[in-house]
Protein backbone atom coordinates (compact mmCIF):
# COMPACT_ATOMS: atom_id res chain seq x y z
CA MET A 1 14.95 8.03 50.40
CA THR A 2 14.39 6.10 53.62
CA LEU A 3 12.13 3.08 54.01
CA ALA A 4 9.65 5.13 56.04
CA GLU A 5 9.45 7.76 53.28
CA PHE A 6 8.96 5.04 50.67
CA LEU A 7 6.09 3.49 52.63
CA ARG A 8 4.42 6.89 52.98
CA LEU A 9 4.63 7.40 49.22
CA LEU A 10 3.31 3.90 48.46
CA PRO A 11 -0.48 4.66 48.63
CA PHE A 12 -0.05 7.50 46.14
CA ALA A 13 1.96 5.26 43.81
CA LEU A 14 -0.64 2.48 44.13
CA LEU A 15 -3.47 4.87 43.29
CA LEU A 16 -1.64 6.21 40.22
CA GLY A 17 -0.81 2.65 39.19
CA ALA A 18 -4.42 1.57 39.57
CA MET A 19 -5.65 4.54 37.51
CA ALA A 20 -3.12 3.67 34.81
CA VAL A 21 -3.46 -0.10 34.66
CA ALA A 22 -6.92 -1.12 35.89
CA PRO A 23 -8.99 0.61 33.15
CA VAL A 24 -6.91 -1.27 30.54
CA PHE A 25 -6.76 -4.78 32.00
CA ALA A 26 -9.86 -4.80 34.22
CA PRO A 27 -12.21 -2.06 32.97
CA HIS A 28 -15.43 -3.51 34.40
CA TRP A 29 -13.83 -4.18 37.78
CA TRP A 30 -12.43 -0.64 37.86
CA LEU A 31 -15.80 0.89 36.98
CA ARG A 32 -17.40 -0.93 39.92
CA HIS A 33 -14.62 -0.47 42.46
CA TYR A 34 -12.66 2.71 41.64
CA ALA A 35 -14.39 4.57 44.48
CA LYS A 36 -13.36 1.90 47.00
CA VAL A 37 -9.75 2.01 45.77
CA ALA A 38 -9.42 5.80 45.77
CA LEU A 39 -11.25 6.46 49.02
CA GLY A 40 -9.69 3.42 50.71
CA LEU A 41 -6.10 4.48 49.96
CA GLY A 42 -7.01 8.04 50.90
CA ALA A 43 -8.43 6.84 54.21
CA ILE A 44 -5.23 4.92 54.95
CA MET A 45 -3.07 8.00 54.45
CA GLY A 46 -5.54 10.28 56.21
CA GLY A 47 -5.61 7.90 59.18
CA TYR A 48 -1.82 7.83 59.28
CA TYR A 49 -1.59 11.62 59.42
CA PHE A 50 -4.35 11.80 62.05
CA PHE A 51 -3.55 8.91 64.40
CA ALA A 52 0.20 8.39 63.91
CA LEU A 53 1.55 11.85 63.10
CA HIS A 54 -1.20 13.90 64.79
CA ASP A 55 -0.66 16.32 61.90
CA LEU A 56 -4.01 18.06 61.76
CA HIS A 57 -2.45 21.06 60.03
CA SER A 58 -1.51 19.10 56.88
CA LEU A 59 -4.88 17.34 56.87
CA GLY A 60 -6.66 20.65 57.19
CA GLU A 61 -4.64 22.20 54.35
CA ALA A 62 -5.29 19.22 52.07
CA ALA A 63 -9.01 19.32 52.90
CA HIS A 64 -9.19 23.06 52.25
CA GLU A 65 -7.38 22.73 48.92
CA TYR A 66 -9.64 19.84 47.90
CA ILE A 67 -12.81 21.73 48.81
CA GLY A 68 -11.59 24.74 46.83
CA PHE A 69 -10.69 22.54 43.87
CA ILE A 70 -13.95 20.61 43.74
CA ALA A 71 -16.04 23.75 44.34
CA LEU A 72 -14.41 25.48 41.36
CA VAL A 73 -14.45 22.50 39.01
CA GLY A 74 -17.91 21.37 40.09
CA SER A 75 -19.55 24.79 39.83
CA LEU A 76 -18.02 25.41 36.40
CA TYR A 77 -19.21 21.97 35.29
CA VAL A 78 -22.79 22.67 36.38
CA VAL A 79 -22.95 26.20 34.95
CA SER A 80 -21.36 25.26 31.63
CA GLY A 81 -23.80 22.35 31.41
CA GLY A 82 -26.56 24.93 31.34
CA ILE A 83 -25.16 26.63 28.22
CA HIS A 84 -25.84 24.85 24.95
CA ILE A 85 -23.84 25.95 21.91
CA GLY A 86 -25.40 24.58 18.75
CA VAL A 87 -23.08 23.96 15.82
CA LYS A 88 -23.75 22.91 12.25
CA GLY A 89 -21.77 22.06 9.20
CA GLU A 90 -18.73 19.92 8.49
CA ALA A 91 -15.82 20.56 10.87
CA THR A 92 -12.85 20.89 8.54
CA PRO A 93 -9.30 20.80 9.96
CA LEU A 94 -8.95 24.55 9.43
CA LYS A 95 -12.22 25.28 11.25
CA ASN A 96 -11.10 23.01 14.06
CA VAL A 97 -7.82 24.91 14.38
CA SER A 98 -9.73 28.20 14.55
CA PHE A 99 -12.00 26.78 17.26
CA LEU A 100 -9.04 25.57 19.34
CA LEU A 101 -7.28 28.92 18.97
CA GLY A 102 -10.42 30.68 20.19
CA GLY A 103 -10.56 28.25 23.11
CA ALA A 104 -6.92 28.97 23.97
CA LEU A 105 -7.62 32.70 24.09
CA LEU A 106 -10.84 32.20 26.07
CA ALA A 107 -8.95 30.10 28.64
CA ASN A 108 -7.17 33.24 29.80
CA VAL A 109 -10.52 34.88 30.61
CA LEU A 110 -12.55 31.95 31.95
CA GLY A 111 -9.63 29.82 33.12
CA THR A 112 -8.71 26.51 31.55
CA THR A 113 -11.42 24.77 33.58
CA GLY A 114 -14.13 27.24 32.56
CA ALA A 115 -13.17 27.26 28.88
CA ALA A 116 -12.85 23.47 28.77
CA MET A 117 -16.22 22.86 30.42
CA LEU A 118 -17.95 25.41 28.19
CA LEU A 119 -16.46 24.25 24.88
CA ILE A 120 -15.94 20.48 25.14
CA ARG A 121 -19.54 19.57 24.26
CA PRO A 122 -19.80 21.81 21.15
CA TRP A 123 -16.32 20.60 20.17
CA ILE A 124 -17.53 17.01 20.20
CA ARG A 125 -20.71 17.94 18.29
CA MET A 126 -18.68 19.82 15.67
CA ASN A 127 -16.74 16.66 14.93
CA GLN A 128 -19.48 14.11 15.60
CA SER A 129 -19.19 12.51 12.14
CA ARG A 130 -15.49 11.65 12.64
CA VAL A 131 -14.68 12.40 16.27
CA ALA A 132 -11.58 10.52 17.46
CA ALA A 133 -9.27 10.43 20.46
CA HIS A 134 -6.92 13.02 18.97
CA HIS A 135 -9.72 15.61 18.97
CA ILE A 136 -10.11 15.29 22.74
CA VAL A 137 -6.42 14.95 23.55
CA PHE A 138 -5.42 18.08 21.63
CA PHE A 139 -8.37 19.88 23.23
CA ILE A 140 -6.79 18.94 26.59
CA PHE A 141 -3.34 20.05 25.40
CA ILE A 142 -4.49 23.44 24.10
CA VAL A 143 -7.73 24.60 25.75
CA ALA A 144 -7.44 22.83 29.11
CA ASN A 145 -3.75 23.61 29.64
CA ALA A 146 -1.31 25.51 27.42
CA GLY A 147 -3.87 28.09 26.33
CA GLY A 148 -4.21 29.51 29.84
CA CYS A 149 -0.61 30.69 30.15
CA LEU A 150 -1.25 34.42 29.70
CA THR A 151 -3.11 35.46 32.88
CA PRO A 152 -3.33 34.33 36.52
CA ILE A 153 -6.97 33.47 35.83
CA GLY A 154 -5.82 31.11 33.07
CA ASP A 155 -4.44 28.25 35.15
CA PRO A 156 -4.48 27.43 38.89
CA PRO A 157 -0.65 27.56 39.36
CA LEU A 158 -0.51 31.08 37.94
CA PHE A 159 -3.37 32.16 40.17
CA LEU A 160 -1.48 30.84 43.20
CA GLY A 161 1.52 32.89 42.06
CA PHE A 162 -0.72 35.96 41.87
CA LEU A 163 -1.86 35.31 45.45
CA GLN A 164 1.81 35.05 46.46
CA GLY A 165 2.48 38.54 45.10
CA ILE A 166 3.37 38.14 41.41
CA PRO A 167 1.77 41.12 39.56
CA PHE A 168 -1.28 40.28 37.44
CA TRP A 169 0.19 41.47 34.12
CA TRP A 170 3.68 40.06 34.75
CA VAL A 171 2.46 36.71 33.41
CA ALA A 172 1.26 38.10 30.08
CA ALA A 173 4.28 40.36 29.67
CA ASN A 174 6.72 37.47 30.13
CA CYS A 175 4.90 34.33 29.03
CA TRP A 176 3.53 35.44 25.66
CA PRO A 177 6.53 34.19 23.58
CA MET A 178 6.24 30.72 25.14
CA TRP A 179 2.45 30.80 24.75
CA LEU A 180 2.74 31.77 21.09
CA LEU A 181 5.29 29.05 20.41
CA GLY A 182 3.60 26.30 22.40
CA VAL A 183 0.04 26.92 21.23
CA GLY A 184 1.22 27.57 17.66
CA LEU A 185 3.17 24.30 17.45
CA LEU A 186 0.34 22.29 18.98
CA LEU A 187 -2.16 23.81 16.53
CA ALA A 188 0.14 23.03 13.60
CA ILE A 189 0.63 19.43 14.74
CA PHE A 190 -3.12 19.05 15.27
CA TYR A 191 -3.84 20.39 11.78
CA PHE A 192 -1.75 17.69 10.10
CA VAL A 193 -3.14 14.93 12.34
CA ASP A 194 -6.72 16.10 11.73
CA GLN A 195 -6.11 16.53 8.01
CA ASN A 196 -5.05 12.90 7.81
CA ASN A 197 -8.10 11.84 9.80
CA SER A 198 -10.38 13.87 7.54
CA ARG A 199 -8.94 12.32 4.38
CA ARG A 200 -9.50 8.82 5.75
CA THR A 201 -13.12 9.57 6.65
CA PRO A 202 -15.58 8.97 3.75
CA ARG A 203 -17.16 12.18 2.54
CA ALA A 204 -20.65 10.77 3.16
CA GLU A 205 -19.75 10.41 6.83
CA ARG A 206 -18.28 13.92 7.03
CA GLU A 207 -21.44 15.44 5.54
CA LYS A 208 -23.85 13.81 7.98
CA ASN A 209 -24.02 17.07 9.94
CA PRO A 210 -26.72 19.44 8.62
CA ALA A 211 -25.46 22.00 6.15
CA GLY A 212 -25.03 25.64 7.12
CA GLU A 213 -22.97 27.60 9.58
CA ASN A 214 -25.66 28.67 12.05
CA TRP A 215 -24.41 28.90 15.63
CA GLN A 216 -27.06 29.00 18.34
CA ILE A 217 -26.48 29.62 22.04
CA GLU A 218 -29.09 28.70 24.65
CA GLY A 219 -28.88 29.29 28.37
CA LEU A 220 -27.32 32.77 28.19
CA PRO A 221 -28.55 33.67 31.72
CA ASN A 222 -25.90 31.24 32.95
CA LEU A 223 -23.26 33.77 31.90
CA PHE A 224 -24.27 35.68 35.06
CA PHE A 225 -23.57 32.64 37.22
CA LEU A 226 -20.29 32.16 35.37
CA ALA A 227 -19.33 35.74 36.22
CA VAL A 228 -20.18 35.09 39.89
CA ILE A 229 -17.78 32.14 39.93
CA LEU A 230 -14.97 34.15 38.33
CA VAL A 231 -15.43 36.99 40.82
CA ALA A 232 -15.53 34.49 43.70
CA VAL A 233 -12.07 33.23 42.70
CA PHE A 234 -10.62 36.49 44.02
CA VAL A 235 -12.49 36.37 47.34
CA ALA A 236 -10.03 35.37 50.05
CA ASN A 237 -11.90 36.06 53.31
CA PRO A 238 -13.78 35.03 55.32
CA PRO A 239 -12.94 31.31 54.99
CA PHE A 240 -15.13 29.30 52.63
CA LEU A 241 -17.03 32.35 51.36
CA ARG A 242 -15.39 31.76 47.97
CA GLU A 243 -16.58 28.16 47.86
CA GLY A 244 -20.02 29.14 49.13
CA LEU A 245 -20.47 31.67 46.32
CA MET A 246 -19.39 29.09 43.75
CA LEU A 247 -21.79 26.46 45.03
CA ALA A 248 -24.61 29.02 45.23
CA ALA A 249 -23.96 29.95 41.59
CA ALA A 250 -24.03 26.27 40.64
CA ALA A 251 -27.32 25.73 42.46
CA GLY A 252 -28.85 28.85 40.90
CA SER A 253 -27.78 27.70 37.46
CA TYR A 254 -29.04 24.15 37.88
CA PHE A 255 -32.51 25.10 39.12
CA THR A 256 -33.08 27.94 36.64
CA THR A 257 -31.81 26.24 33.47
CA LYS A 258 -34.45 24.82 31.16
CA LYS A 259 -34.63 21.05 31.09
CA SER A 260 -34.39 21.15 27.31
CA VAL A 261 -30.91 22.73 27.57
CA HIS A 262 -29.69 20.05 29.99
CA ALA A 263 -31.17 17.39 27.71
CA ALA A 264 -29.42 18.87 24.66
CA ASN A 265 -26.12 18.74 26.55
CA GLN A 266 -26.84 15.22 27.87
CA PHE A 267 -26.08 16.71 31.27
CA ASN A 268 -25.75 14.51 34.35
CA PHE A 269 -23.55 14.42 37.44
CA HIS A 270 -21.54 11.27 36.68
CA PRO A 271 -18.38 13.03 35.36
CA ILE A 272 -18.09 15.38 38.35
CA GLN A 273 -18.84 12.50 40.73
CA GLU A 274 -15.99 10.47 39.25
CA VAL A 275 -13.59 13.42 39.46
CA ALA A 276 -14.64 14.20 43.04
CA ILE A 277 -13.97 10.63 44.19
CA LEU A 278 -10.66 10.11 42.39
CA PHE A 279 -9.24 13.48 43.41
CA ALA A 280 -10.29 12.96 47.02
CA GLY A 281 -7.92 10.01 46.99
CA ILE A 282 -5.25 11.92 45.05
CA PHE A 283 -5.27 14.99 47.33
CA THR A 284 -4.98 12.78 50.43
CA THR A 285 -2.39 10.29 49.24
CA MET A 286 -0.14 12.91 47.64
CA MET A 287 0.43 14.72 50.96
CA PRO A 288 3.65 12.75 51.69
CA ALA A 289 4.89 13.42 48.14
CA LEU A 290 4.42 17.16 48.59
CA ASP A 291 6.03 17.02 52.03
CA TRP A 292 9.02 15.20 50.57
CA LEU A 293 9.27 17.76 47.76
CA ASN A 294 9.17 20.69 50.19
CA HIS A 295 11.84 19.17 52.42
CA ASN A 296 14.21 17.99 49.67
CA SER A 297 13.76 20.40 46.76
CA GLN A 298 16.55 22.73 47.85
CA SER A 299 19.07 19.93 48.32
CA LEU A 300 18.07 18.40 44.98
CA LEU A 301 18.28 21.69 43.09
CA GLY A 302 21.57 22.86 44.56
CA GLN A 303 22.77 26.43 44.95
CA ASN A 304 21.49 28.97 42.40
CA PRO A 305 20.07 26.39 39.94
CA ALA A 306 19.62 27.34 36.29
CA SER A 307 16.22 28.02 34.76
CA GLY A 308 16.35 24.74 32.85
CA ILE A 309 16.55 22.75 36.07
CA PHE A 310 13.42 24.46 37.36
CA TYR A 311 11.71 23.94 34.00
CA TRP A 312 12.22 20.18 33.91
CA SER A 313 11.84 19.57 37.66
CA THR A 314 8.61 21.53 37.90
CA GLY A 315 7.34 20.09 34.64
CA VAL A 316 7.95 16.41 35.34
CA LEU A 317 6.38 16.61 38.79
CA SER A 318 3.47 18.70 37.48
CA SER A 319 2.58 15.83 35.17
CA ALA A 320 2.65 13.32 38.04
CA LEU A 321 1.19 15.52 40.79
CA ASP A 322 -1.39 18.24 40.50
CA ASN A 323 0.45 21.18 38.94
CA ALA A 324 -0.79 23.81 41.42
CA PRO A 325 0.91 22.48 44.59
CA THR A 326 3.98 21.57 42.53
CA TYR A 327 4.25 25.20 41.41
CA LEU A 328 4.08 26.37 45.03
CA GLY A 329 6.70 23.83 46.09
CA PHE A 330 9.29 25.01 43.57
CA LEU A 331 8.48 28.68 44.09
CA SER A 332 9.14 28.12 47.79
CA ALA A 333 12.37 26.28 46.96
CA LEU A 334 13.50 29.16 44.76
CA ARG A 335 12.86 31.65 47.54
CA GLY A 336 14.90 29.47 49.88
CA THR A 337 17.90 29.10 47.58
CA ALA A 338 17.82 32.79 46.63
CA GLY A 339 17.34 34.00 50.20
CA ALA A 340 14.63 36.39 49.00
CA GLU A 341 12.36 37.95 51.59
CA SER A 342 9.67 39.01 49.13
CA ILE A 343 8.32 38.00 45.74
CA SER A 344 9.03 41.47 44.34
CA SER A 345 12.74 41.15 45.10
CA LEU A 346 12.74 37.59 43.76
CA LEU A 347 11.27 38.79 40.47
CA VAL A 348 14.19 41.19 40.09
CA THR A 349 16.93 38.68 40.82
CA HIS A 350 15.39 35.39 39.64
CA GLY A 351 12.57 36.36 37.29
CA HIS A 352 13.68 33.89 34.62
CA GLN A 353 13.50 30.98 37.07
CA ILE A 354 9.97 32.03 38.06
CA LEU A 355 9.14 32.15 34.36
CA ALA A 356 10.45 28.60 33.93
CA ILE A 357 8.37 27.37 36.88
CA SER A 358 5.26 29.12 35.53
CA VAL A 359 5.51 27.86 31.95
CA ALA A 360 6.46 24.33 32.97
CA SER A 361 3.61 23.92 35.46
CA VAL A 362 1.07 25.00 32.81
CA PHE A 363 2.49 23.14 29.79
CA PHE A 364 3.45 19.89 31.53
CA GLY A 365 0.05 19.77 33.24
CA ALA A 366 -1.24 18.48 29.89
CA ALA A 367 1.01 15.41 29.91
CA THR A 368 -1.31 13.18 31.97
CA TYR A 369 -4.95 13.06 32.98
CA ILE A 370 -4.12 14.14 36.54
CA GLY A 371 -1.68 16.94 35.69
CA ASN A 372 -4.39 19.62 35.73
CA GLY A 373 -7.92 19.77 37.10
CA PRO A 374 -9.99 19.83 33.88
CA ASN A 375 -8.10 17.02 32.12
CA PHE A 376 -9.94 14.16 33.76
CA MET A 377 -13.24 16.02 33.49
CA VAL A 378 -12.83 16.43 29.73
CA LYS A 379 -12.02 12.72 29.43
CA SER A 380 -15.13 11.77 31.40
CA ILE A 381 -17.44 13.99 29.33
CA ALA A 382 -15.96 12.62 26.11
CA GLU A 383 -16.54 9.04 27.24
CA GLN A 384 -20.09 9.97 28.20
CA ASN A 385 -20.53 11.06 24.57
CA ASN A 386 -19.26 7.67 23.34
CA VAL A 387 -15.76 8.83 22.37
CA ARG A 388 -13.22 6.07 22.84
CA MET A 389 -10.53 7.70 24.99
CA PRO A 390 -6.98 6.40 25.52
CA SER A 391 -6.13 4.88 28.87
CA PHE A 392 -3.74 6.61 31.28
CA ILE A 393 -0.71 4.87 29.74
CA GLU A 394 -1.98 5.18 26.15
CA PHE A 395 -2.44 8.91 26.66
CA ILE A 396 1.24 9.24 27.53
CA LEU A 397 2.66 6.81 24.95
CA LYS A 398 0.44 7.68 21.96
CA PHE A 399 0.01 11.41 22.46
CA SER A 400 2.12 13.08 25.17
CA LEU A 401 5.44 11.58 24.09
CA PRO A 402 5.14 11.90 20.28
CA PHE A 403 3.23 15.21 20.12
CA LEU A 404 3.58 17.16 23.39
CA LEU A 405 7.18 16.28 24.31
CA PRO A 406 8.71 17.82 21.15
CA VAL A 407 6.90 21.08 21.94
CA LEU A 408 8.25 20.98 25.49
CA LEU A 409 11.76 20.30 24.21
CA ILE A 410 11.66 23.16 21.70
CA THR A 411 10.36 25.51 24.40
CA TRP A 412 13.28 24.51 26.62
CA LEU A 413 15.83 24.87 23.83
CA LEU A 414 14.66 28.34 22.83
CA PHE A 415 13.90 29.87 26.23
CA PHE A 416 15.34 27.93 29.18
CA ARG A 417 18.43 26.06 28.03
CA GLY A 418 20.93 28.67 29.14
């Protein structure tokens, strides 16, 4: 790496470092100034691309991707905030496992973002008498990431693959063994962690929730707006029609939802505002990192690399960058090394490498708060509900390494080691 390349990567590294360190050592300062840090570093890199490189194409692509990202995440946040799922009764570990399994399945229909935004509030209410960080982290692992590995709707990288020409049902036909293993192991690990938490919580605390198993859903008209958003995902032309439909659905939901439903959900715009600001900086400052990946991936991977190389390379970078552009970068690198003119021919000759890229981008996206779009949103909503969440570094050291990494290793050993 040259000095010039290092300097171009520095704003992105500084932003990641600030997100990791500042909330731990200077939380009040970060709360007041995170917008200045994110937008300031983003402006530096945006100015460099505009004034020094005159690269309007890259700036335009980054802006378009950001608008698409924030339109999807923001509209799902608003619409899901208009649906209140009432829960009652003590949330036992077994009931929690059943809820997470249902969320994992739903993620393949609503997408990980849609399922996460819809279920995170009732998940917190279910466990309100003993809610802890592990409840939110495993929700991120399972519902916001690994659960959506069965359809292109499930996770943004897989949807990008669908747009590139990968058949819709190819994902389910090939990813289900990894999905079953990954989700199954995570649910089993969660059960033992939650069982220990339940035993340490006094019974009087666990029984604070009203007795009974009555589930109530308010705001059902918002399911129409949710359907509009999901249909809009598949609208490609004309430009920005997709985003316009999403924002129109969000506006329709917000102005037609009863105030009592928003009040029950403690709905406000702070979480989406925080995500919008931080990811504006991330999308801008990570442009040089993606450029470097696109220009060097083939030389780094070598000729005809094994599936395991794609699994770990895609996975590690998906946890540090947003997993959607990382997926595209390695899919492009695979096409280059294979000399394939079309995705259909690449599926015949290198289908297992595509499978490794697909699974890794989805699973490793759970390893950090920035690995996948809904992760940071879930964290913000949890903190809004007074759940003490781990910092960026704590998330990795206390949860990703001891609980997620073994699942990733076993997946590699069983499916991608050869």
